[in-house]
Amino acid sequence: MTHVQHRISALLLAGALAVATISATSASAALAADTPGTGTCTTTISGPLTGALTAAVGTTCLTNVTLHGAITVNPGAALSIIDSKIYGAITTNGASAFTFCNSSTVGGAISVATSTGFILIGDGGEGTCAGGNIDGAVTLDSNSGGVELGGNTIVGAVKVSGNVAPTNGIPVEDAATEIEGNAVGGTLTCSSNTPVPTNDMKSNTVKSTRTGETCASSTF
């Protein structure tokens, strides 16, 4: 595996104050079961950072990052967050893919809408993408590349709506939106998903109400 690495004095972050190391690499790590749709990293960021971050183009990979700031993913770009802590919200709209493994937010919700690629936020113990701790709500809306939300502790509500699972998605087992093995502090609401969500026989714990589709069941 060939690595090309260079250090720059400042990141192109919206309001960034930190200095970080950025690596471009020609290979990416594939997980055993639920393979992230984010694929090969165009840019890899590690270390402590301060300021809002925009993933503008290509695939941005955050590994062992502590970021004091919100994250936005531009349409067509992809973002992978591994072993990191984000002090702020994560918002994607029209992203190509999103991966969130063994990571946490502090005072930050996660919102993923109209993504065309696989959305993986913990794999529920099926692979090596461990669930995370999300200090806020999770909204998954109108994504078309497959969605898995598994094994996470979520302080706020979870809303899953309008997602259309691919019939030939990667990984192949994600032929339906999967919401499995999560501990949800708020409500769990599902609507207009095609097909309806599955928990892959791993029930979710929901402290508040459950409504809509399969999510309304007390055993889901």
N, C-alpha and C. Protein backbone atom coordinates (compact mmCIF):
# COMPACT_ATOMS: atom_id res chain seq x y z
N MET A 1 0.85 -1.19 0.00
CA MET A 1 0.00 0.00 0.00
C MET A 1 0.89 1.24 0.00
N THR A 2 0.63 2.13 -0.92
CA THR A 2 1.44 3.34 -1.08
C THR A 2 0.78 4.51 -0.38
N HIS A 3 1.57 5.24 0.39
CA HIS A 3 1.04 6.40 1.09
C HIS A 3 1.77 7.66 0.64
N VAL A 4 1.06 8.69 0.39
CA VAL A 4 1.65 10.00 0.10
C VAL A 4 1.17 10.93 1.19
N GLN A 5 2.10 11.47 1.97
CA GLN A 5 1.68 12.24 3.14
C GLN A 5 2.40 13.58 3.15
N HIS A 6 1.69 14.59 3.44
CA HIS A 6 2.30 15.90 3.59
C HIS A 6 1.59 16.66 4.69
N ARG A 7 2.33 17.54 5.34
CA ARG A 7 1.81 18.34 6.44
C ARG A 7 1.51 19.75 5.94
N ILE A 8 0.38 20.25 6.29
CA ILE A 8 0.04 21.62 5.94
C ILE A 8 -0.18 22.42 7.21
N SER A 9 -0.06 23.71 7.12
CA SER A 9 -0.13 24.54 8.32
C SER A 9 -1.54 24.83 8.76
N ALA A 10 -2.49 24.68 7.88
CA ALA A 10 -3.87 24.95 8.28
C ALA A 10 -4.81 24.16 7.40
N LEU A 11 -5.90 23.70 7.98
CA LEU A 11 -6.91 22.98 7.21
C LEU A 11 -7.89 23.96 6.59
N LEU A 12 -8.51 23.53 5.51
CA LEU A 12 -9.57 24.34 4.91
C LEU A 12 -10.86 24.07 5.65
N LEU A 13 -10.89 24.51 6.90
CA LEU A 13 -12.05 24.36 7.75
C LEU A 13 -12.73 25.72 7.85
N ALA A 14 -14.04 25.72 7.93
CA ALA A 14 -14.76 26.97 8.13
C ALA A 14 -14.50 27.43 9.54
N GLY A 15 -13.66 28.43 9.69
CA GLY A 15 -13.34 28.95 11.01
C GLY A 15 -12.34 28.11 11.76
N ALA A 16 -11.57 27.26 11.06
CA ALA A 16 -10.65 26.37 11.76
C ALA A 16 -9.49 27.15 12.36
N LEU A 17 -9.04 26.67 13.53
CA LEU A 17 -7.91 27.29 14.19
C LEU A 17 -6.77 26.29 14.37
N ALA A 18 -7.02 25.03 14.02
CA ALA A 18 -6.06 23.99 14.34
C ALA A 18 -5.12 23.70 13.19
N VAL A 19 -3.99 23.11 13.54
CA VAL A 19 -3.05 22.58 12.58
C VAL A 19 -3.19 21.07 12.61
N ALA A 20 -3.21 20.44 11.45
CA ALA A 20 -3.43 18.99 11.43
C ALA A 20 -2.62 18.37 10.32
N THR A 21 -2.51 17.07 10.38
CA THR A 21 -1.84 16.31 9.35
C THR A 21 -2.86 15.70 8.42
N ILE A 22 -2.67 15.84 7.14
CA ILE A 22 -3.59 15.30 6.15
C ILE A 22 -2.83 14.29 5.30
N SER A 23 -3.42 13.14 5.10
CA SER A 23 -2.78 12.10 4.30
C SER A 23 -3.68 11.74 3.14
N ALA A 24 -3.09 11.51 1.99
CA ALA A 24 -3.82 10.96 0.86
C ALA A 24 -3.34 9.54 0.68
N THR A 25 -4.25 8.61 0.59
CA THR A 25 -3.86 7.21 0.49
C THR A 25 -4.63 6.52 -0.62
N SER A 26 -3.99 5.54 -1.23
CA SER A 26 -4.61 4.85 -2.36
C SER A 26 -5.39 3.63 -1.94
N ALA A 27 -5.44 3.31 -0.65
CA ALA A 27 -6.16 2.12 -0.18
C ALA A 27 -7.00 2.47 1.01
N SER A 28 -8.06 1.70 1.22
CA SER A 28 -8.91 1.90 2.38
C SER A 28 -9.17 0.56 3.03
N ALA A 29 -9.51 0.60 4.33
CA ALA A 29 -9.77 -0.63 5.08
C ALA A 29 -11.22 -1.04 4.90
N ALA A 30 -11.42 -2.25 4.48
CA ALA A 30 -12.77 -2.78 4.32
C ALA A 30 -13.18 -3.54 5.56
N LEU A 31 -14.37 -3.30 6.04
CA LEU A 31 -14.86 -4.02 7.20
C LEU A 31 -15.39 -5.38 6.79
N ALA A 32 -15.38 -6.29 7.76
CA ALA A 32 -15.67 -7.70 7.46
C ALA A 32 -17.08 -7.91 6.94
N ALA A 33 -18.07 -7.30 7.56
CA ALA A 33 -19.45 -7.58 7.18
C ALA A 33 -20.07 -6.40 6.46
N ASP A 34 -20.39 -5.35 7.19
CA ASP A 34 -21.03 -4.18 6.58
C ASP A 34 -19.96 -3.24 6.06
N THR A 35 -19.60 -3.43 4.82
CA THR A 35 -18.53 -2.64 4.22
C THR A 35 -18.97 -1.20 4.01
N PRO A 36 -18.23 -0.23 4.55
CA PRO A 36 -18.62 1.17 4.37
C PRO A 36 -18.70 1.56 2.90
N GLY A 37 -19.66 2.40 2.58
CA GLY A 37 -19.78 2.89 1.23
C GLY A 37 -18.81 4.01 0.93
N THR A 38 -18.13 4.51 1.97
CA THR A 38 -17.22 5.64 1.78
C THR A 38 -15.97 5.25 0.99
N GLY A 39 -15.55 3.99 1.02
CA GLY A 39 -14.46 3.53 0.17
C GLY A 39 -13.13 4.20 0.46
N THR A 40 -12.34 4.38 -0.59
CA THR A 40 -10.98 4.89 -0.46
C THR A 40 -10.96 6.34 0.02
N CYS A 41 -10.10 6.62 0.98
CA CYS A 41 -9.98 7.98 1.53
C CYS A 41 -9.21 8.88 0.57
N THR A 42 -9.81 9.98 0.19
CA THR A 42 -9.09 11.01 -0.56
C THR A 42 -8.22 11.83 0.39
N THR A 43 -8.79 12.13 1.56
CA THR A 43 -8.10 12.92 2.58
C THR A 43 -8.33 12.27 3.93
N THR A 44 -7.26 12.07 4.70
CA THR A 44 -7.36 11.53 6.05
C THR A 44 -6.89 12.58 7.04
N ILE A 45 -7.69 12.81 8.06
CA ILE A 45 -7.38 13.83 9.07
C ILE A 45 -7.30 13.15 10.43
N SER A 46 -6.29 13.49 11.21
CA SER A 46 -6.18 12.98 12.57
C SER A 46 -5.68 14.08 13.49
N GLY A 47 -5.93 13.89 14.79
CA GLY A 47 -5.45 14.86 15.77
C GLY A 47 -6.54 15.77 16.28
N PRO A 48 -6.21 16.62 17.25
CA PRO A 48 -7.18 17.58 17.79
C PRO A 48 -7.40 18.75 16.84
N LEU A 49 -8.67 19.11 16.68
CA LEU A 49 -9.03 20.20 15.77
C LEU A 49 -10.04 21.12 16.44
N THR A 50 -10.02 22.38 16.06
CA THR A 50 -11.00 23.34 16.55
C THR A 50 -11.56 24.12 15.38
N GLY A 51 -12.87 24.17 15.28
CA GLY A 51 -13.53 24.91 14.20
C GLY A 51 -14.42 24.01 13.39
N ALA A 52 -15.39 24.60 12.71
CA ALA A 52 -16.31 23.83 11.89
C ALA A 52 -15.59 23.25 10.68
N LEU A 53 -16.00 22.04 10.29
CA LEU A 53 -15.36 21.33 9.19
C LEU A 53 -16.37 21.08 8.08
N THR A 54 -15.98 21.37 6.85
CA THR A 54 -16.79 21.05 5.69
C THR A 54 -16.06 20.02 4.83
N ALA A 55 -16.70 18.85 4.65
CA ALA A 55 -16.18 17.84 3.71
C ALA A 55 -16.72 18.22 2.35
N ALA A 56 -15.87 18.82 1.52
CA ALA A 56 -16.34 19.47 0.30
C ALA A 56 -16.37 18.54 -0.91
N VAL A 57 -15.29 17.76 -1.09
CA VAL A 57 -15.19 16.90 -2.27
C VAL A 57 -14.52 15.59 -1.88
N GLY A 58 -14.68 14.57 -2.70
CA GLY A 58 -14.01 13.31 -2.46
C GLY A 58 -14.49 12.64 -1.18
N THR A 59 -13.61 11.83 -0.60
CA THR A 59 -13.91 11.12 0.65
C THR A 59 -12.99 11.61 1.75
N THR A 60 -13.55 12.26 2.75
CA THR A 60 -12.80 12.73 3.89
C THR A 60 -12.92 11.70 5.01
N CYS A 61 -11.78 11.28 5.57
CA CYS A 61 -11.77 10.29 6.64
C CYS A 61 -11.19 10.91 7.91
N LEU A 62 -11.97 10.90 8.97
CA LEU A 62 -11.52 11.37 10.28
C LEU A 62 -11.22 10.14 11.14
N THR A 63 -9.97 10.02 11.58
CA THR A 63 -9.56 8.88 12.39
C THR A 63 -8.84 9.39 13.63
N ASN A 64 -9.31 8.97 14.79
CA ASN A 64 -8.74 9.42 16.07
C ASN A 64 -8.69 10.95 16.15
N VAL A 65 -9.81 11.55 15.81
CA VAL A 65 -9.94 13.01 15.82
C VAL A 65 -10.79 13.45 17.01
N THR A 66 -10.39 14.53 17.65
CA THR A 66 -11.26 15.24 18.59
C THR A 66 -11.51 16.61 17.98
N LEU A 67 -12.74 16.82 17.53
CA LEU A 67 -13.09 18.05 16.83
C LEU A 67 -14.07 18.87 17.65
N HIS A 68 -13.69 20.10 17.96
CA HIS A 68 -14.58 21.04 18.62
C HIS A 68 -15.22 21.92 17.55
N GLY A 69 -16.29 21.40 16.96
CA GLY A 69 -16.96 22.12 15.90
C GLY A 69 -17.90 21.21 15.15
N ALA A 70 -18.82 21.80 14.43
CA ALA A 70 -19.79 21.03 13.65
C ALA A 70 -19.19 20.57 12.33
N ILE A 71 -19.84 19.57 11.73
CA ILE A 71 -19.39 19.03 10.44
C ILE A 71 -20.53 19.11 9.43
N THR A 72 -20.19 19.57 8.23
CA THR A 72 -21.13 19.57 7.11
C THR A 72 -20.52 18.81 5.95
N VAL A 73 -21.31 17.95 5.32
CA VAL A 73 -20.85 17.22 4.15
C VAL A 73 -21.59 17.74 2.93
N ASN A 74 -20.84 18.22 1.95
CA ASN A 74 -21.45 18.78 0.75
C ASN A 74 -22.04 17.69 -0.15
N PRO A 75 -22.99 18.03 -1.00
CA PRO A 75 -23.54 17.07 -1.96
C PRO A 75 -22.44 16.42 -2.80
N GLY A 76 -22.51 15.10 -2.92
CA GLY A 76 -21.53 14.37 -3.73
C GLY A 76 -20.29 13.95 -2.99
N ALA A 77 -20.03 14.52 -1.82
CA ALA A 77 -18.85 14.15 -1.03
C ALA A 77 -19.21 13.02 -0.07
N ALA A 78 -18.19 12.40 0.52
CA ALA A 78 -18.38 11.31 1.47
C ALA A 78 -17.56 11.59 2.72
N LEU A 79 -18.04 11.06 3.86
CA LEU A 79 -17.35 11.28 5.13
C LEU A 79 -17.32 9.99 5.93
N SER A 80 -16.14 9.65 6.44
CA SER A 80 -15.96 8.52 7.35
C SER A 80 -15.40 9.03 8.66
N ILE A 81 -16.04 8.64 9.77
CA ILE A 81 -15.58 9.03 11.10
C ILE A 81 -15.34 7.76 11.90
N ILE A 82 -14.08 7.53 12.29
CA ILE A 82 -13.69 6.32 13.02
C ILE A 82 -12.94 6.72 14.29
N ASP A 83 -13.32 6.11 15.42
CA ASP A 83 -12.59 6.30 16.69
C ASP A 83 -12.41 7.78 17.03
N SER A 84 -13.46 8.57 16.88
CA SER A 84 -13.34 10.02 17.05
C SER A 84 -14.45 10.58 17.93
N LYS A 85 -14.24 11.80 18.41
CA LYS A 85 -15.23 12.50 19.22
C LYS A 85 -15.49 13.86 18.61
N ILE A 86 -16.77 14.15 18.34
CA ILE A 86 -17.16 15.38 17.67
C ILE A 86 -18.00 16.22 18.63
N TYR A 87 -17.53 17.41 18.97
CA TYR A 87 -18.27 18.33 19.83
C TYR A 87 -19.12 19.24 18.93
N GLY A 88 -20.21 18.70 18.44
CA GLY A 88 -21.06 19.45 17.54
C GLY A 88 -21.90 18.52 16.69
N ALA A 89 -22.73 19.10 15.85
CA ALA A 89 -23.64 18.32 15.00
C ALA A 89 -22.95 17.88 13.72
N ILE A 90 -23.49 16.82 13.12
CA ILE A 90 -23.02 16.32 11.83
C ILE A 90 -24.21 16.36 10.87
N THR A 91 -24.05 17.08 9.77
CA THR A 91 -25.15 17.26 8.82
C THR A 91 -24.68 16.93 7.41
N THR A 92 -25.40 16.00 6.75
CA THR A 92 -25.11 15.70 5.36
C THR A 92 -26.39 15.83 4.55
N ASN A 93 -26.27 16.32 3.34
CA ASN A 93 -27.42 16.46 2.44
C ASN A 93 -26.94 16.17 1.02
N GLY A 94 -27.33 15.00 0.50
CA GLY A 94 -26.90 14.64 -0.83
C GLY A 94 -25.50 14.06 -0.88
N ALA A 95 -25.00 13.58 0.26
CA ALA A 95 -23.67 12.98 0.28
C ALA A 95 -23.65 11.68 -0.49
N SER A 96 -22.46 11.26 -0.93
CA SER A 96 -22.34 9.99 -1.64
C SER A 96 -22.34 8.81 -0.67
N ALA A 97 -21.86 9.01 0.57
CA ALA A 97 -21.87 7.96 1.59
C ALA A 97 -21.44 8.55 2.92
N PHE A 98 -21.77 7.82 4.01
CA PHE A 98 -21.40 8.28 5.35
C PHE A 98 -21.14 7.06 6.23
N THR A 99 -20.04 7.11 7.00
CA THR A 99 -19.67 6.03 7.92
C THR A 99 -19.34 6.64 9.28
N PHE A 100 -19.87 6.01 10.35
CA PHE A 100 -19.64 6.51 11.71
C PHE A 100 -19.45 5.28 12.61
N CYS A 101 -18.21 5.01 13.01
CA CYS A 101 -17.89 3.80 13.77
C CYS A 101 -17.11 4.13 15.04
N ASN A 102 -17.53 3.52 16.16
CA ASN A 102 -16.83 3.65 17.44
C ASN A 102 -16.50 5.11 17.75
N SER A 103 -17.46 5.97 17.54
CA SER A 103 -17.25 7.41 17.71
C SER A 103 -18.40 8.00 18.51
N SER A 104 -18.29 9.28 18.85
CA SER A 104 -19.33 9.92 19.65
C SER A 104 -19.49 11.38 19.26
N THR A 105 -20.69 11.89 19.55
CA THR A 105 -20.90 13.33 19.48
C THR A 105 -21.19 13.85 20.88
N VAL A 106 -20.84 15.07 21.11
CA VAL A 106 -21.14 15.74 22.38
C VAL A 106 -21.96 16.98 22.03
N GLY A 107 -23.21 17.00 22.50
CA GLY A 107 -24.09 18.12 22.16
C GLY A 107 -24.34 18.24 20.68
N GLY A 108 -24.41 17.09 20.00
CA GLY A 108 -24.55 17.14 18.55
C GLY A 108 -25.41 16.04 17.98
N ALA A 109 -26.38 16.44 17.16
CA ALA A 109 -27.23 15.49 16.46
C ALA A 109 -26.54 15.04 15.17
N ILE A 110 -27.07 13.95 14.59
CA ILE A 110 -26.63 13.48 13.27
C ILE A 110 -27.83 13.49 12.34
N SER A 111 -27.68 14.18 11.21
CA SER A 111 -28.74 14.25 10.21
C SER A 111 -28.17 13.86 8.85
N VAL A 112 -28.74 12.80 8.26
CA VAL A 112 -28.28 12.32 6.95
C VAL A 112 -29.47 12.26 6.02
N ALA A 113 -29.45 13.05 4.96
CA ALA A 113 -30.58 13.13 4.03
C ALA A 113 -30.12 13.00 2.59
N THR A 114 -30.93 12.34 1.78
CA THR A 114 -30.78 12.21 0.33
C THR A 114 -29.40 11.69 -0.09
N SER A 115 -28.81 10.84 0.73
CA SER A 115 -27.55 10.22 0.34
C SER A 115 -27.79 9.17 -0.74
N THR A 116 -26.86 9.05 -1.67
CA THR A 116 -26.98 8.06 -2.73
C THR A 116 -26.19 6.79 -2.44
N GLY A 117 -25.37 6.80 -1.39
CA GLY A 117 -24.56 5.64 -1.04
C GLY A 117 -24.91 5.11 0.34
N PHE A 118 -24.20 4.07 0.77
CA PHE A 118 -24.49 3.37 2.00
C PHE A 118 -24.22 4.25 3.23
N ILE A 119 -25.21 4.28 4.15
CA ILE A 119 -25.09 5.00 5.41
C ILE A 119 -24.89 3.97 6.51
N LEU A 120 -23.73 3.97 7.16
CA LEU A 120 -23.40 3.00 8.19
C LEU A 120 -23.07 3.74 9.48
N ILE A 121 -23.97 3.62 10.47
CA ILE A 121 -23.75 4.24 11.78
C ILE A 121 -23.80 3.11 12.80
N GLY A 122 -22.68 2.40 12.96
CA GLY A 122 -22.63 1.19 13.77
C GLY A 122 -23.27 0.03 13.05
N ASP A 123 -22.70 -1.17 13.22
CA ASP A 123 -23.22 -2.33 12.47
C ASP A 123 -23.94 -3.34 13.36
N GLY A 124 -24.21 -2.98 14.61
CA GLY A 124 -24.95 -3.88 15.48
C GLY A 124 -24.22 -5.16 15.83
N GLY A 125 -22.89 -5.14 15.77
CA GLY A 125 -22.09 -6.30 16.12
C GLY A 125 -21.87 -7.29 15.00
N GLU A 126 -22.24 -6.92 13.78
CA GLU A 126 -22.10 -7.84 12.65
C GLU A 126 -20.72 -7.80 12.01
N GLY A 127 -19.98 -6.72 12.26
CA GLY A 127 -18.66 -6.57 11.66
C GLY A 127 -17.73 -5.90 12.63
N THR A 128 -16.95 -4.95 12.16
CA THR A 128 -16.00 -4.24 13.01
C THR A 128 -16.32 -2.76 13.16
N CYS A 129 -17.52 -2.35 12.71
CA CYS A 129 -17.95 -0.96 12.88
C CYS A 129 -18.76 -0.85 14.16
N ALA A 130 -18.08 -0.65 15.28
CA ALA A 130 -18.76 -0.59 16.57
C ALA A 130 -19.69 0.60 16.65
N GLY A 131 -20.77 0.43 17.40
CA GLY A 131 -21.71 1.53 17.61
C GLY A 131 -21.07 2.65 18.40
N GLY A 132 -21.76 3.78 18.41
CA GLY A 132 -21.23 4.95 19.08
C GLY A 132 -22.19 5.53 20.08
N ASN A 133 -21.82 6.68 20.63
CA ASN A 133 -22.65 7.44 21.57
C ASN A 133 -22.99 8.77 20.93
N ILE A 134 -24.28 8.97 20.70
CA ILE A 134 -24.73 10.17 19.99
C ILE A 134 -25.54 11.03 20.95
N ASP A 135 -24.99 12.18 21.27
CA ASP A 135 -25.59 13.09 22.25
C ASP A 135 -26.53 14.06 21.54
N GLY A 136 -27.61 13.50 21.02
CA GLY A 136 -28.57 14.29 20.26
C GLY A 136 -29.48 13.35 19.49
N ALA A 137 -30.23 13.91 18.56
CA ALA A 137 -31.16 13.11 17.74
C ALA A 137 -30.44 12.55 16.52
N VAL A 138 -31.04 11.52 15.93
CA VAL A 138 -30.57 10.97 14.66
C VAL A 138 -31.72 11.02 13.67
N THR A 139 -31.48 11.66 12.53
CA THR A 139 -32.48 11.78 11.47
C THR A 139 -31.92 11.18 10.20
N LEU A 140 -32.65 10.20 9.64
CA LEU A 140 -32.24 9.53 8.41
C LEU A 140 -33.39 9.67 7.43
N ASP A 141 -33.21 10.50 6.41
CA ASP A 141 -34.34 10.89 5.56
C ASP A 141 -34.01 10.78 4.08
N SER A 142 -34.83 10.00 3.36
CA SER A 142 -34.80 9.96 1.89
C SER A 142 -33.45 9.54 1.33
N ASN A 143 -32.82 8.57 1.97
CA ASN A 143 -31.56 8.03 1.46
C ASN A 143 -31.86 6.83 0.55
N SER A 144 -31.02 6.63 -0.47
CA SER A 144 -31.32 5.60 -1.46
C SER A 144 -30.22 4.56 -1.64
N GLY A 145 -29.19 4.59 -0.80
CA GLY A 145 -28.08 3.66 -0.96
C GLY A 145 -27.96 2.62 0.13
N GLY A 146 -28.96 2.52 0.98
CA GLY A 146 -28.92 1.59 2.10
C GLY A 146 -28.57 2.30 3.39
N VAL A 147 -29.26 1.91 4.49
CA VAL A 147 -29.07 2.55 5.80
C VAL A 147 -28.95 1.48 6.87
N GLU A 148 -27.92 1.60 7.70
CA GLU A 148 -27.83 0.77 8.90
C GLU A 148 -27.48 1.63 10.10
N LEU A 149 -28.32 1.52 11.15
CA LEU A 149 -28.10 2.21 12.42
C LEU A 149 -28.08 1.11 13.47
N GLY A 150 -26.89 0.75 13.97
CA GLY A 150 -26.81 -0.43 14.81
C GLY A 150 -25.89 -0.30 16.01
N GLY A 151 -26.41 -0.70 17.17
CA GLY A 151 -25.58 -0.80 18.37
C GLY A 151 -25.16 0.52 18.97
N ASN A 152 -25.95 1.57 18.76
CA ASN A 152 -25.60 2.90 19.26
C ASN A 152 -26.40 3.25 20.51
N THR A 153 -25.84 4.14 21.33
CA THR A 153 -26.55 4.78 22.42
C THR A 153 -26.88 6.19 21.97
N ILE A 154 -28.19 6.48 21.86
CA ILE A 154 -28.65 7.75 21.28
C ILE A 154 -29.47 8.49 22.32
N VAL A 155 -29.03 9.67 22.70
CA VAL A 155 -29.70 10.43 23.76
C VAL A 155 -31.06 10.94 23.30
N GLY A 156 -31.16 11.39 22.07
CA GLY A 156 -32.37 12.00 21.56
C GLY A 156 -33.26 11.05 20.80
N ALA A 157 -34.11 11.62 19.96
CA ALA A 157 -35.06 10.85 19.16
C ALA A 157 -34.39 10.30 17.90
N VAL A 158 -35.00 9.25 17.35
CA VAL A 158 -34.57 8.70 16.07
C VAL A 158 -35.74 8.79 15.11
N LYS A 159 -35.52 9.45 13.96
CA LYS A 159 -36.56 9.57 12.94
C LYS A 159 -36.02 9.01 11.64
N VAL A 160 -36.71 8.00 11.10
CA VAL A 160 -36.28 7.31 9.89
C VAL A 160 -37.42 7.39 8.89
N SER A 161 -37.24 8.12 7.80
CA SER A 161 -38.36 8.34 6.89
C SER A 161 -37.91 8.41 5.44
N GLY A 162 -38.72 7.83 4.56
CA GLY A 162 -38.52 7.98 3.13
C GLY A 162 -37.29 7.33 2.55
N ASN A 163 -36.69 6.38 3.28
CA ASN A 163 -35.49 5.72 2.77
C ASN A 163 -35.87 4.57 1.84
N VAL A 164 -35.18 4.45 0.73
CA VAL A 164 -35.43 3.38 -0.23
C VAL A 164 -34.18 2.53 -0.32
N ALA A 165 -34.27 1.29 0.15
CA ALA A 165 -33.10 0.41 0.16
C ALA A 165 -32.82 -0.12 -1.24
N PRO A 166 -31.56 -0.21 -1.64
CA PRO A 166 -31.24 -0.72 -2.98
C PRO A 166 -31.44 -2.23 -3.03
N THR A 167 -31.83 -2.73 -4.19
CA THR A 167 -32.01 -4.18 -4.34
C THR A 167 -30.70 -4.89 -4.59
N ASN A 168 -29.67 -4.14 -4.97
CA ASN A 168 -28.35 -4.73 -5.19
C ASN A 168 -27.30 -3.96 -4.41
N GLY A 169 -27.65 -3.59 -3.20
CA GLY A 169 -26.77 -2.74 -2.40
C GLY A 169 -25.54 -3.46 -1.90
N ILE A 170 -24.59 -2.70 -1.41
CA ILE A 170 -23.38 -3.23 -0.79
C ILE A 170 -23.36 -2.71 0.65
N PRO A 171 -23.35 -3.59 1.66
CA PRO A 171 -23.35 -5.06 1.55
C PRO A 171 -24.71 -5.60 1.13
N VAL A 172 -24.72 -6.82 0.64
CA VAL A 172 -25.92 -7.38 0.05
C VAL A 172 -27.02 -7.62 1.07
N GLU A 173 -26.65 -7.78 2.37
CA GLU A 173 -27.70 -8.04 3.37
C GLU A 173 -28.56 -6.82 3.65
N ASP A 174 -28.12 -5.66 3.23
CA ASP A 174 -28.89 -4.45 3.50
C ASP A 174 -29.89 -4.17 2.39
N ALA A 175 -30.84 -5.10 2.22
CA ALA A 175 -31.92 -4.92 1.26
C ALA A 175 -33.09 -4.20 1.90
N ALA A 176 -32.94 -3.81 3.15
CA ALA A 176 -33.94 -3.00 3.85
C ALA A 176 -33.20 -2.10 4.83
N THR A 177 -33.82 -1.00 5.20
CA THR A 177 -33.24 -0.13 6.23
C THR A 177 -33.15 -0.91 7.54
N GLU A 178 -31.97 -0.96 8.14
CA GLU A 178 -31.74 -1.72 9.37
C GLU A 178 -31.58 -0.77 10.56
N ILE A 179 -32.41 -0.98 11.57
CA ILE A 179 -32.31 -0.24 12.83
C ILE A 179 -32.24 -1.31 13.92
N GLU A 180 -31.07 -1.56 14.46
CA GLU A 180 -30.90 -2.76 15.28
C GLU A 180 -30.02 -2.52 16.50
N GLY A 181 -30.49 -3.03 17.65
CA GLY A 181 -29.67 -3.05 18.85
C GLY A 181 -29.29 -1.70 19.40
N ASN A 182 -30.10 -0.67 19.14
CA ASN A 182 -29.80 0.66 19.66
C ASN A 182 -30.52 0.91 20.98
N ALA A 183 -29.94 1.79 21.80
CA ALA A 183 -30.61 2.30 23.00
C ALA A 183 -30.98 3.74 22.71
N VAL A 184 -32.29 3.99 22.59
CA VAL A 184 -32.79 5.29 22.16
C VAL A 184 -33.45 6.00 23.34
N GLY A 185 -32.97 7.20 23.66
CA GLY A 185 -33.50 7.94 24.79
C GLY A 185 -34.78 8.67 24.49
N GLY A 186 -35.03 9.01 23.23
CA GLY A 186 -36.24 9.72 22.83
C GLY A 186 -37.20 8.80 22.11
N THR A 187 -37.95 9.36 21.19
CA THR A 187 -38.92 8.57 20.42
C THR A 187 -38.23 7.89 19.24
N LEU A 188 -38.85 6.81 18.77
CA LEU A 188 -38.43 6.13 17.54
C LEU A 188 -39.59 6.22 16.56
N THR A 189 -39.38 6.93 15.46
CA THR A 189 -40.45 7.17 14.49
C THR A 189 -39.99 6.75 13.10
N CYS A 190 -40.82 5.94 12.43
CA CYS A 190 -40.52 5.49 11.08
C CYS A 190 -41.71 5.76 10.17
N SER A 191 -41.42 6.17 8.93
CA SER A 191 -42.51 6.42 7.98
C SER A 191 -41.99 6.38 6.55
N SER A 192 -42.82 5.86 5.65
CA SER A 192 -42.60 5.92 4.20
C SER A 192 -41.28 5.31 3.75
N ASN A 193 -40.80 4.29 4.46
CA ASN A 193 -39.58 3.60 4.04
C ASN A 193 -39.93 2.43 3.13
N THR A 194 -39.10 2.18 2.12
CA THR A 194 -39.33 1.10 1.16
C THR A 194 -38.09 0.21 1.06
N PRO A 195 -38.17 -1.06 1.52
CA PRO A 195 -39.27 -1.62 2.31
C PRO A 195 -39.23 -1.09 3.74
N VAL A 196 -40.15 -1.57 4.58
CA VAL A 196 -40.18 -1.11 5.97
C VAL A 196 -38.92 -1.57 6.68
N PRO A 197 -38.50 -0.86 7.73
CA PRO A 197 -37.26 -1.21 8.42
C PRO A 197 -37.29 -2.59 9.08
N THR A 198 -36.09 -3.16 9.25
CA THR A 198 -35.91 -4.40 9.97
C THR A 198 -34.93 -4.18 11.12
N ASN A 199 -35.09 -4.97 12.19
CA ASN A 199 -34.11 -4.89 13.28
C ASN A 199 -33.16 -6.08 13.25
N ASP A 200 -33.22 -6.90 12.20
CA ASP A 200 -32.30 -8.02 12.02
C ASP A 200 -32.26 -8.90 13.27
N MET A 201 -33.42 -9.02 13.93
CA MET A 201 -33.59 -9.83 15.15
C MET A 201 -32.75 -9.32 16.32
N LYS A 202 -32.45 -8.02 16.31
CA LYS A 202 -31.74 -7.38 17.42
C LYS A 202 -32.61 -6.21 17.88
N SER A 203 -33.37 -6.41 18.94
CA SER A 203 -34.35 -5.41 19.38
C SER A 203 -33.67 -4.13 19.84
N ASN A 204 -34.39 -3.03 19.65
CA ASN A 204 -33.95 -1.72 20.12
C ASN A 204 -34.62 -1.41 21.45
N THR A 205 -33.91 -0.73 22.33
CA THR A 205 -34.47 -0.25 23.59
C THR A 205 -34.86 1.21 23.41
N VAL A 206 -36.14 1.50 23.62
CA VAL A 206 -36.64 2.86 23.39
C VAL A 206 -37.33 3.35 24.67
N LYS A 207 -36.83 4.43 25.24
CA LYS A 207 -37.38 4.94 26.50
C LYS A 207 -38.70 5.68 26.31
N SER A 208 -38.90 6.27 25.14
CA SER A 208 -40.12 7.03 24.89
C SER A 208 -41.02 6.20 23.96
N THR A 209 -41.80 6.84 23.12
CA THR A 209 -42.79 6.15 22.28
C THR A 209 -42.16 5.63 20.99
N ARG A 210 -42.86 4.62 20.42
CA ARG A 210 -42.48 4.04 19.14
C ARG A 210 -43.67 4.23 18.20
N THR A 211 -43.42 4.75 17.01
CA THR A 211 -44.54 4.95 16.07
C THR A 211 -44.09 4.64 14.66
N GLY A 212 -45.05 4.14 13.85
CA GLY A 212 -44.86 3.98 12.42
C GLY A 212 -44.22 2.68 11.98
N GLU A 213 -44.83 2.04 11.01
CA GLU A 213 -44.28 0.86 10.37
C GLU A 213 -43.87 -0.19 11.41
N THR A 214 -42.81 -0.93 11.14
CA THR A 214 -42.33 -1.95 12.07
C THR A 214 -41.83 -1.35 13.37
N CYS A 215 -41.41 -0.10 13.32
CA CYS A 215 -40.83 0.56 14.51
C CYS A 215 -41.83 0.72 15.63
N ALA A 216 -43.13 0.64 15.32
CA ALA A 216 -44.17 0.81 16.35
C ALA A 216 -44.26 -0.39 17.28
N SER A 217 -43.72 -1.52 16.87
CA SER A 217 -43.81 -2.73 17.69
C SER A 217 -42.92 -2.63 18.92
N SER A 218 -43.42 -3.12 20.03
CA SER A 218 -42.66 -3.09 21.29
C SER A 218 -41.46 -4.02 21.26
N THR A 219 -41.44 -4.92 20.29
CA THR A 219 -40.32 -5.87 20.17
C THR A 219 -39.32 -5.47 19.09
N PHE A 220 -39.60 -4.37 18.41
CA PHE A 220 -38.69 -3.95 17.32
C PHE A 220 -37.39 -3.42 17.90
